[in-house]
PDB file of N, CA and C in Angstrom:
ATOM      1  N   UNK A   1     100.751  92.746 117.807  1.00  0.00           N
ATOM      2  CA  UNK A   1     102.029  93.374 117.587  1.00  0.00           C
ATOM      3  C   UNK A   1     101.813  94.838 117.193  1.00  0.00           C
ATOM      4  N   UNK A   2     102.574  95.716 117.829  1.00  0.00           N
ATOM      5  CA  UNK A   2     102.443  97.121 117.479  1.00  0.00           C
ATOM      6  C   UNK A   2     103.052  97.366 116.104  1.00  0.00           C
ATOM      7  N   UNK A   3     102.538  98.337 115.405  1.00  0.00           N
ATOM      8  CA  UNK A   3     102.999  98.630 114.054  1.00  0.00           C
ATOM      9  C   UNK A   3     103.924  99.830 114.027  1.00  0.00           C
ATOM     10  N   UNK A   4     104.512 100.167 115.178  1.00  0.00           N
ATOM     11  CA  UNK A   4     105.458 101.271 115.216  1.00  0.00           C
ATOM     12  C   UNK A   4     106.582 100.936 116.189  1.00  0.00           C
ATOM     13  N   UNK A   5     107.697 101.593 116.001  1.00  0.00           N
ATOM     14  CA  UNK A   5     108.859 101.408 116.862  1.00  0.00           C
ATOM     15  C   UNK A   5     108.609 102.152 118.169  1.00  0.00           C
ATOM     16  N   UNK A   6     108.829 101.483 119.305  1.00  0.00           N
ATOM     17  CA  UNK A   6     108.593 102.111 120.590  1.00  0.00           C
ATOM     18  C   UNK A   6     109.673 103.134 120.927  1.00  0.00           C
ATOM     19  N   UNK A   7     110.836 103.037 120.322  1.00  0.00           N
ATOM     20  CA  UNK A   7     111.933 103.954 120.635  1.00  0.00           C
ATOM     21  C   UNK A   7     111.884 105.181 119.737  1.00  0.00           C
ATOM     22  N   UNK A   8     111.823 104.975 118.430  1.00  0.00           N
ATOM     23  CA  UNK A   8     111.890 106.103 117.497  1.00  0.00           C
ATOM     24  C   UNK A   8     110.526 106.574 117.024  1.00  0.00           C
ATOM     25  N   UNK A   9     109.488 105.747 117.152  1.00  0.00           N
ATOM     26  CA  UNK A   9     108.156 106.125 116.706  1.00  0.00           C
ATOM     27  C   UNK A   9     107.926 105.953 115.221  1.00  0.00           C
ATOM     28  N   UNK A  10     108.837 105.313 114.523  1.00  0.00           N
ATOM     29  CA  UNK A  10     108.676 105.124 113.082  1.00  0.00           C
ATOM     30  C   UNK A  10     107.487 104.236 112.781  1.00  0.00           C
ATOM     31  N   UNK A  11     106.731 104.630 111.750  1.00  0.00           N
ATOM     32  CA  UNK A  11     105.575 103.875 111.280  1.00  0.00           C
ATOM     33  C   UNK A  11     105.733 103.600 109.797  1.00  0.00           C
ATOM     34  N   UNK A  12     104.845 102.773 109.271  1.00  0.00           N
ATOM     35  CA  UNK A  12     104.887 102.472 107.846  1.00  0.00           C
ATOM     36  C   UNK A  12     104.553 103.718 107.041  1.00  0.00           C
ATOM     37  N   UNK A  13     105.257 103.901 105.943  1.00  0.00           N
ATOM     38  CA  UNK A  13     104.988 105.018 105.045  1.00  0.00           C
ATOM     39  C   UNK A  13     104.162 104.545 103.868  1.00  0.00           C
ATOM     40  N   UNK A  14     103.626 105.474 103.124  1.00  0.00           N
ATOM     41  CA  UNK A  14     102.844 105.130 101.943  1.00  0.00           C
ATOM     42  C   UNK A  14     103.443 105.826 100.737  1.00  0.00           C
ATOM     43  N   UNK A  15     103.223 105.227  99.594  1.00  0.00           N
ATOM     44  CA  UNK A  15     103.742 105.795  98.358  1.00  0.00           C
ATOM     45  C   UNK A  15     103.045 105.155  97.183  1.00  0.00           C
ATOM     46  N   UNK A  16     103.685 105.228  96.045  1.00  0.00           N
ATOM     47  CA  UNK A  16     103.114 104.681  94.827  1.00  0.00           C
ATOM     48  C   UNK A  16     103.984 103.558  94.280  1.00  0.00           C
ATOM     49  N   UNK A  17     103.303 102.525  93.780  1.00  0.00           N
ATOM     50  CA  UNK A  17     103.962 101.491  92.995  1.00  0.00           C
ATOM     51  C   UNK A  17     103.863 101.981  91.557  1.00  0.00           C
ATOM     52  N   UNK A  18     104.974 102.117  90.873  1.00  0.00           N
ATOM     53  CA  UNK A  18     104.967 102.691  89.533  1.00  0.00           C
ATOM     54  C   UNK A  18     105.362 101.598  88.541  1.00  0.00           C
ATOM     55  N   UNK A  19     104.474 101.334  87.600  1.00  0.00           N
ATOM     56  CA  UNK A  19     104.732 100.298  86.604  1.00  0.00           C
ATOM     57  C   UNK A  19     105.609 100.861  85.474  1.00  0.00           C
ATOM     58  N   UNK A  20     105.941 100.001  84.553  1.00  0.00           N
ATOM     59  CA  UNK A  20     106.752 100.407  83.403  1.00  0.00           C
ATOM     60  C   UNK A  20     106.039 101.494  82.589  1.00  0.00           C
ATOM     61  N   UNK A  21     104.710 101.407  82.518  1.00  0.00           N
ATOM     62  CA  UNK A  21     103.945 102.405  81.768  1.00  0.00           C
ATOM     63  C   UNK A  21     103.596 103.629  82.622  1.00  0.00           C
ATOM     64  N   UNK A  22     104.133 103.690  83.810  1.00  0.00           N
ATOM     65  CA  UNK A  22     103.938 104.779  84.769  1.00  0.00           C
ATOM     66  C   UNK A  22     102.537 104.865  85.345  1.00  0.00           C
ATOM     67  N   UNK A  23     101.809 103.751  85.366  1.00  0.00           N
ATOM     68  CA  UNK A  23     100.561 103.715  86.127  1.00  0.00           C
ATOM     69  C   UNK A  23     100.942 103.671  87.605  1.00  0.00           C
ATOM     70  N   UNK A  24     100.199 104.372  88.425  1.00  0.00           N
ATOM     71  CA  UNK A  24     100.535 104.460  89.842  1.00  0.00           C
ATOM     72  C   UNK A  24      99.419 103.852  90.689  1.00  0.00           C
ATOM     73  N   UNK A  25      99.791 102.941  91.572  1.00  0.00           N
ATOM     74  CA  UNK A  25      98.863 102.385  92.552  1.00  0.00           C
ATOM     75  C   UNK A  25      99.514 102.536  93.925  1.00  0.00           C
ATOM     76  N   UNK A  26      98.688 102.656  94.957  1.00  0.00           N
ATOM     77  CA  UNK A  26      99.194 102.901  96.307  1.00  0.00           C
ATOM     78  C   UNK A  26      99.849 101.655  96.881  1.00  0.00           C
ATOM     79  N   UNK A  27     100.893 101.865  97.692  1.00  0.00           N
ATOM     80  CA  UNK A  27     101.579 100.777  98.364  1.00  0.00           C
ATOM     81  C   UNK A  27     102.057 101.255  99.714  1.00  0.00           C
ATOM     82  N   UNK A  28     102.522 100.319 100.524  1.00  0.00           N
ATOM     83  CA  UNK A  28     103.046 100.646 101.852  1.00  0.00           C
ATOM     84  C   UNK A  28     104.525 100.305 101.912  1.00  0.00           C
ATOM     85  N   UNK A  29     105.267 101.146 102.593  1.00  0.00           N
ATOM     86  CA  UNK A  29     106.659 100.866 102.894  1.00  0.00           C
ATOM     87  C   UNK A  29     106.708 100.465 104.362  1.00  0.00           C
ATOM     88  N   UNK A  30     106.912  99.186 104.616  1.00  0.00           N
ATOM     89  CA  UNK A  30     106.917  98.689 105.983  1.00  0.00           C
ATOM     90  C   UNK A  30     108.184  99.072 106.734  1.00  0.00           C
ATOM     91  N   UNK A  31     108.116  98.996 108.051  1.00  0.00           N
ATOM     92  CA  UNK A  31     109.251  99.276 108.922  1.00  0.00           C
ATOM     93  C   UNK A  31     109.854  97.948 109.347  1.00  0.00           C
ATOM     94  N   UNK A  32     111.172  97.901 109.464  1.00  0.00           N
ATOM     95  CA  UNK A  32     111.870  96.682 109.871  1.00  0.00           C
ATOM     96  C   UNK A  32     111.756  96.529 111.389  1.00  0.00           C
ATOM     97  N   UNK A  33     110.622  95.970 111.860  1.00  0.00           N
ATOM     98  CA  UNK A  33     110.371  95.840 113.289  1.00  0.00           C
ATOM     99  C   UNK A  33     110.855  94.506 113.813  1.00  0.00           C
ATOM    100  N   UNK A  34     111.453  94.540 114.989  1.00  0.00           N
ATOM    101  CA  UNK A  34     111.968  93.353 115.661  1.00  0.00           C
ATOM    102  C   UNK A  34     111.446  93.337 117.091  1.00  0.00           C
ATOM    103  N   UNK A  35     111.233  92.153 117.632  1.00  0.00           N
ATOM    104  CA  UNK A  35     110.934  92.003 119.056  1.00  0.00           C
ATOM    105  C   UNK A  35     112.240  91.685 119.754  1.00  0.00           C
ATOM    106  N   UNK A  36     112.682  92.571 120.634  1.00  0.00           N
ATOM    107  CA  UNK A  36     113.953  92.394 121.322  1.00  0.00           C
ATOM    108  C   UNK A  36     113.710  92.399 122.825  1.00  0.00           C
ATOM    109  N   UNK A  37     114.384  91.512 123.542  1.00  0.00           N
ATOM    110  CA  UNK A  37     114.316  91.463 124.993  1.00  0.00           C
ATOM    111  C   UNK A  37     115.627  91.992 125.547  1.00  0.00           C
ATOM    112  N   UNK A  38     115.534  92.968 126.437  1.00  0.00           N
ATOM    113  CA  UNK A  38     116.700  93.602 127.033  1.00  0.00           C
ATOM    114  C   UNK A  38     116.659  93.427 128.548  1.00  0.00           C
ATOM    115  N   UNK A  39     117.827  93.254 129.154  1.00  0.00           N
ATOM    116  CA  UNK A  39     117.954  93.270 130.603  1.00  0.00           C
ATOM    117  C   UNK A  39     118.193  94.723 131.014  1.00  0.00           C
ATOM    118  N   UNK A  40     117.351  95.212 131.932  1.00  0.00           N
ATOM    119  CA  UNK A  40     117.456  96.593 132.396  1.00  0.00           C
ATOM    120  C   UNK A  40     117.941  96.567 133.842  1.00  0.00           C
ATOM    121  N   UNK A  41     119.223  96.904 134.082  1.00  0.00           N
ATOM    122  CA  UNK A  41     119.765  96.832 135.447  1.00  0.00           C
ATOM    123  C   UNK A  41     119.056  97.765 136.430  1.00  0.00           C
ATOM    124  N   UNK A  42     118.620  98.939 135.978  1.00  0.00           N
ATOM    125  CA  UNK A  42     117.974  99.884 136.896  1.00  0.00           C
ATOM    126  C   UNK A  42     116.627  99.361 137.401  1.00  0.00           C
ATOM    127  N   UNK A  43     115.918  98.578 136.571  1.00  0.00           N
ATOM    128  CA  UNK A  43     114.640  97.989 136.982  1.00  0.00           C
ATOM    129  C   UNK A  43     114.811  96.603 137.582  1.00  0.00           C
ATOM    130  N   UNK A  44     115.937  95.967 137.297  1.00  0.00           N
ATOM    131  CA  UNK A  44     116.187  94.614 137.807  1.00  0.00           C
ATOM    132  C   UNK A  44     115.354  93.557 137.123  1.00  0.00           C
ATOM    133  N   UNK A  45     114.952  93.782 135.885  1.00  0.00           N
ATOM    134  CA  UNK A  45     114.147  92.807 135.146  1.00  0.00           C
ATOM    135  C   UNK A  45     114.368  92.971 133.653  1.00  0.00           C
ATOM    136  N   UNK A  46     113.806  92.024 132.890  1.00  0.00           N
ATOM    137  CA  UNK A  46     113.876  92.084 131.436  1.00  0.00           C
ATOM    138  C   UNK A  46     112.628  92.770 130.910  1.00  0.00           C
ATOM    139  N   UNK A  47     112.778  93.467 129.791  1.00  0.00           N
ATOM    140  CA  UNK A  47     111.627  94.039 129.101  1.00  0.00           C
ATOM    141  C   UNK A  47     111.721  93.658 127.636  1.00  0.00           C
ATOM    142  N   UNK A  48     110.568  93.490 127.008  1.00  0.00           N
ATOM    143  CA  UNK A  48     110.497  93.188 125.591  1.00  0.00           C
ATOM    144  C   UNK A  48     109.974  94.409 124.865  1.00  0.00           C
ATOM    145  N   UNK A  49     110.734  94.862 123.880  1.00  0.00           N
ATOM    146  CA  UNK A  49     110.372  96.042 123.114  1.00  0.00           C
ATOM    147  C   UNK A  49     110.160  95.663 121.650  1.00  0.00           C
ATOM    148  N   UNK A  50     109.302  96.383 120.974  1.00  0.00           N
ATOM    149  CA  UNK A  50     109.159  96.289 119.526  1.00  0.00           C
ATOM    150  C   UNK A  50     109.904  97.476 118.956  1.00  0.00           C
ATOM    151  N   UNK A  51     111.061  97.204 118.351  1.00  0.00           N
ATOM    152  CA  UNK A  51     111.930  98.283 117.886  1.00  0.00           C
ATOM    153  C   UNK A  51     112.319  98.063 116.434  1.00  0.00           C
ATOM    154  N   UNK A  52     112.590  99.169 115.755  1.00  0.00           N
ATOM    155  CA  UNK A  52     113.100  99.105 114.391  1.00  0.00           C
ATOM    156  C   UNK A  52     114.610  98.922 114.448  1.00  0.00           C
ATOM    157  N   UNK A  53     115.205  98.679 113.299  1.00  0.00           N
ATOM    158  CA  UNK A  53     116.657  98.529 113.246  1.00  0.00           C
ATOM    159  C   UNK A  53     117.331  99.816 113.720  1.00  0.00           C
ATOM    160  N   UNK A  54     116.766 100.970 113.373  1.00  0.00           N
ATOM    161  CA  UNK A  54     117.296 102.255 113.846  1.00  0.00           C
ATOM    162  C   UNK A  54     117.138 102.378 115.361  1.00  0.00           C
ATOM    163  N   UNK A  55     116.045 101.853 115.900  1.00  0.00           N
ATOM    164  CA  UNK A  55     115.836 101.879 117.345  1.00  0.00           C
ATOM    165  C   UNK A  55     116.852 101.032 118.095  1.00  0.00           C
ATOM    166  N   UNK A  56     117.249  99.902 117.520  1.00  0.00           N
ATOM    167  CA  UNK A  56     118.278  99.055 118.131  1.00  0.00           C
ATOM    168  C   UNK A  56     119.597  99.804 118.181  1.00  0.00           C
ATOM    169  N   UNK A  57     119.921 100.520 117.104  1.00  0.00           N
ATOM    170  CA  UNK A  57     121.153 101.312 117.081  1.00  0.00           C
ATOM    171  C   UNK A  57     121.091 102.442 118.104  1.00  0.00           C
ATOM    172  N   UNK A  58     119.920 103.034 118.281  1.00  0.00           N
ATOM    173  CA  UNK A  58     119.753 104.094 119.271  1.00  0.00           C
ATOM    174  C   UNK A  58     119.990 103.560 120.676  1.00  0.00           C
ATOM    175  N   UNK A  59     119.461 102.370 120.966  1.00  0.00           N
ATOM    176  CA  UNK A  59     119.668 101.751 122.273  1.00  0.00           C
ATOM    177  C   UNK A  59     121.138 101.433 122.487  1.00  0.00           C
ATOM    178  N   UNK A  60     121.811 100.932 121.459  1.00  0.00           N
ATOM    179  CA  UNK A  60     123.234 100.643 121.574  1.00  0.00           C
ATOM    180  C   UNK A  60     124.050 101.906 121.843  1.00  0.00           C
ATOM    181  N   UNK A  61     123.664 103.004 121.229  1.00  0.00           N
ATOM    182  CA  UNK A  61     124.416 104.244 121.357  1.00  0.00           C
ATOM    183  C   UNK A  61     124.145 104.942 122.692  1.00  0.00           C
ATOM    184  N   UNK A  62     122.870 105.067 123.086  1.00  0.00           N
ATOM    185  CA  UNK A  62     122.514 105.834 124.279  1.00  0.00           C
ATOM    186  C   UNK A  62     122.489 104.999 125.547  1.00  0.00           C
ATOM    187  N   UNK A  63     122.261 103.691 125.419  1.00  0.00           N
ATOM    188  CA  UNK A  63     122.170 102.820 126.586  1.00  0.00           C
ATOM    189  C   UNK A  63     120.721 102.497 126.906  1.00  0.00           C
ATOM    190  N   UNK A  64     120.500 101.278 127.383  1.00  0.00           N
ATOM    191  CA  UNK A  64     119.137 100.820 127.638  1.00  0.00           C
ATOM    192  C   UNK A  64     118.502 101.564 128.794  1.00  0.00           C
ATOM    193  N   UNK A  65     119.280 101.929 129.832  1.00  0.00           N
ATOM    194  CA  UNK A  65     118.707 102.636 130.980  1.00  0.00           C
ATOM    195  C   UNK A  65     118.137 103.992 130.589  1.00  0.00           C
ATOM    196  N   UNK A  66     118.847 104.734 129.748  1.00  0.00           N
ATOM    197  CA  UNK A  66     118.394 106.062 129.318  1.00  0.00           C
ATOM    198  C   UNK A  66     117.141 105.937 128.458  1.00  0.00           C
ATOM    199  N   UNK A  67     117.142 104.975 127.542  1.00  0.00           N
ATOM    200  CA  UNK A  67     115.997 104.796 126.641  1.00  0.00           C
ATOM    201  C   UNK A  67     114.768 104.343 127.420  1.00  0.00           C
ATOM    202  N   UNK A  68     114.936 103.426 128.373  1.00  0.00           N
ATOM    203  CA  UNK A  68     113.799 102.941 129.156  1.00  0.00           C
ATOM    204  C   UNK A  68     113.244 104.057 130.033  1.00  0.00           C
ATOM    205  N   UNK A  69     114.104 104.883 130.602  1.00  0.00           N
ATOM    206  CA  UNK A  69     113.623 106.013 131.405  1.00  0.00           C
ATOM    207  C   UNK A  69     112.765 106.947 130.557  1.00  0.00           C
ATOM    208  N   UNK A  70     113.174 107.159 129.319  1.00  0.00           N
ATOM    209  CA  UNK A  70     112.383 108.000 128.408  1.00  0.00           C
ATOM    210  C   UNK A  70     111.051 107.344 128.055  1.00  0.00           C
ATOM    211  N   UNK A  71     111.050 106.029 127.848  1.00  0.00           N
ATOM    212  CA  UNK A  71     109.810 105.312 127.535  1.00  0.00           C
ATOM    213  C   UNK A  71     108.847 105.344 128.713  1.00  0.00           C
ATOM    214  N   UNK A  72     109.360 105.241 129.929  1.00  0.00           N
ATOM    215  CA  UNK A  72     108.511 105.313 131.117  1.00  0.00           C
ATOM    216  C   UNK A  72     107.916 106.715 131.230  1.00  0.00           C
ATOM    217  N   UNK A  73     108.708 107.734 130.945  1.00  0.00           N
ATOM    218  CA  UNK A  73     108.233 109.112 131.008  1.00  0.00           C
ATOM    219  C   UNK A  73     107.116 109.352 129.994  1.00  0.00           C
ATOM    220  N   UNK A  74     107.211 108.694 128.810  1.00  0.00           N
ATOM    221  CA  UNK A  74     106.189 108.838 127.765  1.00  0.00           C
ATOM    222  C   UNK A  74     105.033 107.868 127.921  1.00  0.00           C
ATOM    223  N   UNK A  75     105.047 107.049 128.982  1.00  0.00           N
ATOM    224  CA  UNK A  75     104.013 106.029 129.263  1.00  0.00           C
ATOM    225  C   UNK A  75     103.917 104.960 128.185  1.00  0.00           C
ATOM    226  N   UNK A  76     105.030 104.653 127.508  1.00  0.00           N
ATOM    227  CA  UNK A  76     105.059 103.554 126.533  1.00  0.00           C
ATOM    228  C   UNK A  76     105.128 102.216 127.263  1.00  0.00           C
ATOM    229  N   UNK A  77     105.862 102.182 128.379  1.00  0.00           N
ATOM    230  CA  UNK A  77     105.962 100.962 129.195  1.00  0.00           C
ATOM    231  C   UNK A  77     105.750 101.357 130.641  1.00  0.00           C
ATOM    232  N   UNK A  78     105.457 100.358 131.480  1.00  0.00           N
ATOM    233  CA  UNK A  78     105.264 100.627 132.905  1.00  0.00           C
ATOM    234  C   UNK A  78     106.511 100.223 133.655  1.00  0.00           C
ATOM    235  N   UNK A  79     106.772 100.915 134.754  1.00  0.00           N
ATOM    236  CA  UNK A  79     107.982 100.665 135.537  1.00  0.00           C
ATOM    237  C   UNK A  79     107.892  99.430 136.348  1.00  0.00           C
TER     238      UNK A  79
END
């Protein structure tokens, strides 16, 4: 499983876990990644993407055809 969103490129961030006494230890802020299958009319097939919640909203707003064309241009997926 990829650790980044294929649409937005979001990855896990890092920061500090801060205790009550203010001791700091490193931690990770994970991304809300989902495996989603979309029907792409321009390709005539389904594709499975690893997208974040923000990436799903981006697909809903811009349309799957536009997003897939951009992913093909960036070589994230094959046509």
